[in-house]
Amino acid sequence: MTETILEVRDLRTSFFTENFEVKAVDGVNFSVPKGKTLGVVGESGSGKSITSLSILRLIQNPGKVVGGQVLFKGQDLLEKSEAEMRKIRGNEISMIFQEPMTSLNPVYTVGQQIGESYQIHQKMSKKQAIERSIDMLKLVGIPSPEKRVHQYPHELSGGMRQRVMIAMALACNPELLIADEPTTALDVTIQAQILELMKDLQDRLGMSIIMITHDLGVVAETCDYVAVMYCGKVVEYATVDELFRNPRHPYTVGLLNSLPRHDIDLEDEELAVIQGSVPSPTDMPIGCRFAPRCPFSTDLCVERLPELEEDEDGNQIRCWIYSEEWTGDPEVNVYEKRTTES
């Protein structure tokens, strides 16, 4: 049986105002097997990034992790002190943040920013840290690393800045890497290079990865497992092969149907869209969060929230269609593949 390096149980993170509690992450469960990649997908506002920040205890006011467990190698990170978390962040667990231009400090050189991890976690001297930073820049494929290590972020291209972010994250050989939209705003050529680099480094270093993205193409290329999130909840969890071969939640199907397909003539058929919009976080539906947009919704879906149920293969689904209580069409086919006339 595959060893699990991270297990998230009933994670709940809320943001508080004078009048509302916004449940950004509401009872999230998933696990990350050692040496594997978990993709976390969903629309903007689904809770993907807040989940990753909650794992590392980086939620700032007015947000707060209000419940659950984050078990890293069997130890609950939510029970650790801030001093203990500082020893873990950037060392055992690292994160690649969105937008490298805003995540990198403009007044420090690349070498100073990569080297900080070595100085804090491995107690290296400044000179040793710079030497190791040059090695990391070589590892992530940046040319002339001896020169680049003394440059500032604005002197680098977008692709190079993203490689610097990866070098920073991998400096101390973390066991778990959280990559939050690591290819955002990069052109497709650079995007492919970054994804290939991350996969190569994972194979070499044996680390686990949480890949946060809205791009199912990235998931198909890089991930072993997928957690689909909608309105702060996981609605489907499966292996990548199973999710693309046999998606079960109507939201997952909607995401897949919205992808361009090479076997479809777009002159004859338009891309499918998910009708409606994501509900307001201050006015969530009582029942299934997706019910107002779901073509299969019944009164049961509107009135009651389904639990995340696990099947015999270990895949998980949050949908009444697969429950004994389902009152709709018993022969409903959630996934109707789009085809073209031959």
Protein backbone atom coordinates (compact mmCIF):
# COMPACT_ATOMS: atom_id res chain seq x y z
CA MET A 1 0.00 0.00 0.00
CA THR A 2 1.28 3.47 -0.94
CA GLU A 3 2.51 5.54 2.00
CA THR A 4 0.63 8.80 2.60
CA ILE A 5 2.74 11.88 3.30
CA LEU A 6 -0.13 14.35 3.82
CA GLU A 7 -3.70 13.77 4.90
CA VAL A 8 -6.20 16.63 5.18
CA ARG A 9 -9.24 15.85 7.32
CA ASP A 10 -12.34 18.04 7.56
CA LEU A 11 -10.29 21.22 7.03
CA ARG A 12 -12.35 24.37 7.59
CA THR A 13 -11.15 27.94 7.04
CA SER A 14 -13.40 30.97 7.39
CA PHE A 15 -13.13 34.71 6.88
CA PHE A 16 -15.00 36.87 9.35
CA THR A 17 -16.70 40.24 8.87
CA GLU A 18 -19.02 42.14 11.18
CA ASN A 19 -22.04 40.44 9.64
CA PHE A 20 -20.87 37.22 8.03
CA GLU A 21 -18.72 34.15 8.37
CA VAL A 22 -17.52 33.25 4.88
CA LYS A 23 -16.65 29.55 4.76
CA ALA A 24 -13.90 29.59 2.13
CA VAL A 25 -12.84 26.00 2.89
CA ASP A 26 -15.65 23.91 4.32
CA GLY A 27 -14.81 20.36 5.36
CA VAL A 28 -12.11 19.48 2.83
CA ASN A 29 -10.68 15.94 2.84
CA PHE A 30 -7.92 14.51 0.66
CA SER A 31 -4.60 12.68 0.89
CA VAL A 32 -1.29 12.89 -0.97
CA PRO A 33 0.63 9.62 -1.47
CA LYS A 34 4.39 9.80 -1.09
CA GLY A 35 6.19 10.58 -4.34
CA LYS A 36 2.93 11.29 -6.21
CA THR A 37 1.22 14.44 -7.51
CA LEU A 38 -2.27 15.51 -6.45
CA GLY A 39 -4.02 18.05 -8.65
CA VAL A 40 -6.51 20.38 -6.96
CA VAL A 41 -8.79 21.90 -9.60
CA GLY A 42 -11.78 24.20 -9.72
CA GLU A 43 -12.97 27.62 -10.79
CA SER A 44 -11.67 30.83 -9.24
CA GLY A 45 -13.12 31.14 -5.75
CA SER A 46 -13.46 27.39 -5.22
CA GLY A 47 -11.06 27.43 -2.26
CA LYS A 48 -7.97 25.92 -3.88
CA SER A 49 -5.43 28.54 -2.82
CA ILE A 50 -6.98 29.03 0.63
CA THR A 51 -6.64 25.28 1.18
CA SER A 52 -2.92 25.43 0.37
CA LEU A 53 -2.35 28.45 2.62
CA SER A 54 -4.27 26.70 5.40
CA ILE A 55 -1.99 23.67 5.16
CA LEU A 56 1.03 25.90 5.78
CA ARG A 57 -0.77 28.00 8.42
CA LEU A 58 -0.36 31.17 6.34
CA ILE A 59 -3.93 32.45 6.63
CA GLN A 60 -4.01 36.08 7.75
CA ASN A 61 -6.75 38.11 9.43
CA PRO A 62 -9.68 38.27 9.01
CA GLY A 63 -9.23 34.63 8.03
CA LYS A 64 -8.78 31.73 10.42
CA VAL A 65 -8.47 27.95 10.26
CA VAL A 66 -11.43 26.99 12.43
CA GLY A 67 -11.23 23.20 12.40
CA GLY A 68 -9.92 19.96 11.01
CA GLN A 69 -6.56 18.25 10.85
CA VAL A 70 -3.56 18.54 8.53
CA LEU A 71 -1.48 15.42 9.13
CA PHE A 72 2.04 15.67 7.70
CA LYS A 73 3.94 12.43 8.28
CA GLY A 74 1.39 11.65 10.98
CA GLN A 75 1.75 14.94 12.88
CA ASP A 76 -1.02 17.54 12.94
CA LEU A 77 0.36 20.84 11.64
CA LEU A 78 -2.59 22.73 13.13
CA GLU A 79 -1.40 21.73 16.61
CA LYS A 80 2.15 22.98 16.15
CA SER A 81 3.48 26.29 17.47
CA GLU A 82 4.48 29.07 15.10
CA ALA A 83 8.15 28.42 15.92
CA GLU A 84 7.73 24.77 14.91
CA MET A 85 5.97 25.77 11.68
CA ARG A 86 8.82 28.11 10.73
CA LYS A 87 11.15 25.10 10.84
CA ILE A 88 8.83 23.18 8.50
CA ARG A 89 7.99 25.92 5.97
CA GLY A 90 10.58 26.15 3.22
CA ASN A 91 12.33 23.11 4.62
CA GLU A 92 10.10 20.03 4.74
CA ILE A 93 7.16 21.68 2.94
CA SER A 94 7.70 24.40 0.33
CA MET A 95 5.35 26.42 -1.82
CA ILE A 96 5.55 28.04 -5.24
CA PHE A 97 3.25 31.05 -5.08
CA GLN A 98 1.27 32.60 -7.92
CA GLU A 99 2.71 35.54 -9.86
CA PRO A 100 6.51 35.34 -9.43
CA MET A 101 6.93 39.07 -10.11
CA THR A 102 4.90 39.93 -7.01
CA SER A 103 6.10 36.98 -4.93
CA LEU A 104 9.78 37.82 -5.36
CA ASN A 105 11.13 40.77 -3.36
CA PRO A 106 12.22 43.49 -5.83
CA VAL A 107 14.95 44.92 -3.56
CA TYR A 108 16.87 41.67 -2.99
CA THR A 109 18.93 39.76 -5.51
CA VAL A 110 17.97 36.30 -6.69
CA GLY A 111 20.85 34.81 -4.71
CA GLN A 112 19.83 36.55 -1.50
CA GLN A 113 16.28 35.21 -1.80
CA ILE A 114 17.24 31.63 -2.60
CA GLY A 115 20.07 31.66 -0.05
CA GLU A 116 17.81 32.74 2.79
CA SER A 117 16.49 29.18 3.16
CA TYR A 118 20.01 27.79 3.46
CA GLN A 119 20.96 30.37 6.08
CA ILE A 120 17.81 29.81 8.16
CA HIS A 121 17.34 26.04 7.92
CA GLN A 122 20.87 24.77 7.30
CA LYS A 123 22.83 27.50 9.14
CA MET A 124 25.11 28.20 6.18
CA SER A 125 27.26 31.29 5.84
CA LYS A 126 26.28 33.92 3.28
CA LYS A 127 29.06 32.75 0.95
CA GLN A 128 28.02 29.09 1.21
CA ALA A 129 24.38 30.05 0.61
CA ILE A 130 25.28 31.92 -2.59
CA GLU A 131 27.29 28.93 -3.84
CA ARG A 132 24.35 26.60 -3.20
CA SER A 133 22.01 29.11 -4.85
CA ILE A 134 24.14 28.95 -8.00
CA ASP A 135 23.81 25.16 -7.92
CA MET A 136 20.02 25.47 -7.64
CA LEU A 137 19.86 27.88 -10.58
CA LYS A 138 21.80 25.32 -12.62
CA LEU A 139 19.39 22.60 -11.50
CA VAL A 140 16.33 24.52 -12.72
CA GLY A 141 17.96 25.30 -16.06
CA ILE A 142 18.81 29.00 -15.79
CA PRO A 143 21.77 29.90 -18.06
CA SER A 144 24.77 31.79 -16.67
CA PRO A 145 23.77 31.14 -13.03
CA GLU A 146 26.91 32.84 -11.68
CA LYS A 147 25.64 36.08 -13.25
CA ARG A 148 21.92 35.61 -12.57
CA VAL A 149 22.46 34.97 -8.86
CA HIS A 150 23.45 38.64 -8.43
CA GLN A 151 20.58 40.05 -10.51
CA TYR A 152 17.24 41.43 -9.31
CA PRO A 153 13.83 39.97 -10.29
CA HIS A 154 13.00 42.78 -12.74
CA GLU A 155 16.10 41.87 -14.76
CA LEU A 156 14.74 38.40 -15.54
CA SER A 157 12.07 37.19 -17.94
CA GLY A 158 8.79 35.72 -16.68
CA GLY A 159 9.97 32.18 -17.35
CA MET A 160 13.24 32.78 -15.51
CA ARG A 161 11.42 34.30 -12.53
CA GLN A 162 9.24 31.22 -12.32
CA ARG A 163 12.34 29.03 -12.38
CA VAL A 164 13.78 31.13 -9.55
CA MET A 165 10.59 30.51 -7.56
CA ILE A 166 11.04 26.77 -8.12
CA ALA A 167 14.70 27.00 -7.08
CA MET A 168 13.67 28.80 -3.88
CA ALA A 169 11.03 26.18 -3.12
CA LEU A 170 13.38 23.24 -3.71
CA ALA A 171 16.44 24.70 -1.99
CA CYS A 172 16.19 22.48 1.09
CA ASN A 173 14.94 19.36 -0.73
CA PRO A 174 11.37 19.45 0.65
CA GLU A 175 9.35 16.27 0.96
CA LEU A 176 6.20 18.09 -0.16
CA LEU A 177 5.93 20.89 -2.73
CA ILE A 178 2.75 22.94 -3.06
CA ALA A 179 2.60 24.61 -6.49
CA ASP A 180 -0.13 27.27 -6.73
CA GLU A 181 -0.81 27.92 -10.43
CA PRO A 182 2.92 27.59 -11.25
CA THR A 183 2.45 28.39 -14.94
CA THR A 184 0.06 31.36 -14.66
CA ALA A 185 0.71 34.13 -17.21
CA LEU A 186 3.42 32.13 -19.01
CA ASP A 187 3.20 31.38 -22.73
CA VAL A 188 2.52 27.79 -23.70
CA THR A 189 6.14 27.01 -24.62
CA ILE A 190 7.50 28.22 -21.27
CA GLN A 191 4.58 26.53 -19.50
CA ALA A 192 5.51 23.17 -21.01
CA GLN A 193 9.15 23.67 -20.00
CA ILE A 194 8.21 24.51 -16.39
CA LEU A 195 5.92 21.48 -16.08
CA GLU A 196 8.56 19.19 -17.57
CA LEU A 197 11.14 20.64 -15.18
CA MET A 198 8.92 20.02 -12.15
CA LYS A 199 8.25 16.44 -13.21
CA ASP A 200 11.96 15.81 -13.78
CA LEU A 201 12.86 17.26 -10.37
CA GLN A 202 10.15 15.19 -8.71
CA ASP A 203 11.56 12.01 -10.25
CA ARG A 204 15.08 12.95 -9.14
CA LEU A 205 14.25 14.14 -5.62
CA GLY A 206 11.32 11.80 -4.85
CA MET A 207 9.10 14.56 -3.48
CA SER A 208 5.31 14.73 -3.42
CA ILE A 209 3.49 17.61 -5.13
CA ILE A 210 0.15 19.35 -4.71
CA MET A 211 -0.57 21.03 -8.05
CA ILE A 212 -3.20 23.76 -7.72
CA THR A 213 -4.65 24.74 -11.07
CA HIS A 214 -7.79 25.51 -13.05
CA ASP A 215 -6.26 23.90 -16.15
CA LEU A 216 -7.32 20.30 -16.69
CA GLY A 217 -4.67 20.00 -19.39
CA VAL A 218 -2.00 20.57 -16.73
CA VAL A 219 -3.69 17.95 -14.55
CA ALA A 220 -3.69 15.38 -17.35
CA GLU A 221 0.02 15.93 -18.00
CA THR A 222 1.40 16.06 -14.47
CA CYS A 223 -0.91 14.52 -11.85
CA ASP A 224 -1.57 11.06 -10.47
CA TYR A 225 -4.68 11.97 -8.44
CA VAL A 226 -7.23 14.78 -8.66
CA ALA A 227 -9.42 16.56 -6.12
CA VAL A 228 -12.13 18.68 -7.78
CA MET A 229 -13.26 21.58 -5.58
CA TYR A 230 -16.42 23.66 -5.80
CA CYS A 231 -17.48 26.36 -3.32
CA GLY A 232 -15.04 25.28 -0.63
CA LYS A 233 -15.77 21.55 -0.83
CA VAL A 234 -14.22 18.58 -2.60
CA VAL A 235 -16.90 17.17 -4.91
CA GLU A 236 -14.83 14.41 -6.54
CA TYR A 237 -11.53 12.66 -5.78
CA ALA A 238 -10.09 10.05 -8.13
CA THR A 239 -7.04 8.91 -10.02
CA VAL A 240 -6.32 10.97 -13.12
CA ASP A 241 -7.08 8.04 -15.41
CA GLU A 242 -10.41 7.38 -13.72
CA LEU A 243 -11.44 11.05 -13.69
CA PHE A 244 -10.85 11.55 -17.40
CA ARG A 245 -12.24 8.15 -18.37
CA ASN A 246 -15.28 8.13 -16.13
CA PRO A 247 -16.05 11.48 -14.44
CA ARG A 248 -18.99 11.13 -12.07
CA HIS A 249 -19.85 14.53 -10.63
CA PRO A 250 -21.86 16.83 -12.94
CA TYR A 251 -19.46 19.69 -12.17
CA THR A 252 -16.45 17.60 -13.23
CA VAL A 253 -18.29 16.66 -16.40
CA GLY A 254 -19.01 20.34 -17.06
CA LEU A 255 -15.34 21.20 -16.71
CA LEU A 256 -14.29 18.40 -19.06
CA ASN A 257 -16.95 19.25 -21.65
CA SER A 258 -15.74 22.85 -21.74
CA LEU A 259 -12.32 21.72 -22.98
CA PRO A 260 -11.55 21.93 -26.71
CA ARG A 261 -11.30 18.50 -28.33
CA HIS A 262 -9.29 17.56 -31.42
CA ASP A 263 -12.03 15.18 -32.55
CA ILE A 264 -14.70 17.88 -32.71
CA ASP A 265 -15.28 20.31 -35.58
CA LEU A 266 -15.94 23.59 -33.80
CA GLU A 267 -17.57 24.98 -36.94
CA ASP A 268 -20.41 22.54 -36.38
CA GLU A 269 -20.48 22.38 -32.58
CA GLU A 270 -19.86 25.02 -29.93
CA LEU A 271 -17.95 24.32 -26.73
CA ALA A 272 -20.20 23.43 -23.83
CA VAL A 273 -20.51 25.87 -20.93
CA ILE A 274 -21.60 25.42 -17.33
CA GLN A 275 -24.78 27.44 -17.00
CA GLY A 276 -25.13 30.04 -14.25
CA SER A 277 -22.41 31.32 -11.95
CA VAL A 278 -20.74 30.41 -8.68
CA PRO A 279 -23.02 31.38 -5.74
CA SER A 280 -22.06 34.23 -3.43
CA PRO A 281 -19.94 33.04 -0.48
CA THR A 282 -22.34 34.90 1.84
CA ASP A 283 -25.40 33.17 0.36
CA MET A 284 -24.59 29.51 -0.23
CA PRO A 285 -27.32 27.03 -1.18
CA ILE A 286 -28.69 24.93 1.67
CA GLY A 287 -28.25 21.67 -0.21
CA CYS A 288 -25.71 20.73 -2.86
CA ARG A 289 -23.61 23.78 -3.70
CA PHE A 290 -23.80 22.91 -7.40
CA ALA A 291 -27.57 22.29 -7.47
CA PRO A 292 -28.55 25.72 -8.94
CA ARG A 293 -26.33 25.02 -11.98
CA CYS A 294 -26.80 21.26 -12.29
CA PRO A 295 -28.93 19.88 -15.17
CA PHE A 296 -29.80 16.79 -13.06
CA SER A 297 -30.84 18.63 -9.88
CA THR A 298 -33.88 17.38 -7.93
CA ASP A 299 -35.64 18.56 -4.76
CA LEU A 300 -33.33 16.30 -2.75
CA CYS A 301 -30.27 18.11 -4.17
CA VAL A 302 -31.73 21.51 -3.32
CA GLU A 303 -32.75 20.57 0.21
CA ARG A 304 -29.85 18.45 1.50
CA LEU A 305 -26.07 18.51 1.15
CA PRO A 306 -24.63 15.13 0.09
CA GLU A 307 -21.67 13.63 1.93
CA LEU A 308 -18.38 12.72 0.27
CA GLU A 309 -18.78 8.97 -0.23
CA GLU A 310 -16.01 6.52 -1.14
CA ASP A 311 -16.46 3.63 -3.58
CA GLU A 312 -14.74 0.25 -3.58
CA ASP A 313 -11.88 1.63 -5.71
CA GLY A 314 -11.07 4.45 -3.28
CA ASN A 315 -12.57 7.17 -5.49
CA GLN A 316 -14.80 9.71 -3.75
CA ILE A 317 -17.92 11.52 -4.95
CA ARG A 318 -20.25 14.10 -3.40
CA CYS A 319 -23.48 13.66 -5.36
CA TRP A 320 -26.97 12.33 -4.64
CA ILE A 321 -27.13 10.59 -8.04
CA TYR A 322 -25.04 7.72 -6.64
CA SER A 323 -27.03 7.44 -3.41
CA GLU A 324 -29.82 5.02 -2.59
CA GLU A 325 -31.89 8.12 -1.76
CA TRP A 326 -31.69 9.43 -5.35
CA THR A 327 -35.18 10.34 -6.55
CA GLY A 328 -34.36 11.31 -10.13
CA ASP A 329 -34.01 9.21 -13.27
CA PRO A 330 -32.40 5.91 -12.18
CA GLU A 331 -30.86 5.52 -15.65
CA VAL A 332 -29.31 9.00 -15.74
CA ASN A 333 -26.03 9.15 -17.67
CA VAL A 334 -24.00 12.03 -16.27
CA TYR A 335 -21.22 11.81 -18.82
CA GLU A 336 -22.36 11.92 -22.43
CA LYS A 337 -19.26 12.01 -24.60
CA ARG A 338 -19.25 14.54 -27.40
CA THR A 339 -18.65 12.98 -30.80
CA THR A 340 -18.49 14.13 -34.37
CA GLU A 341 -20.17 12.72 -37.40
CA SER A 342 -17.89 10.36 -39.24
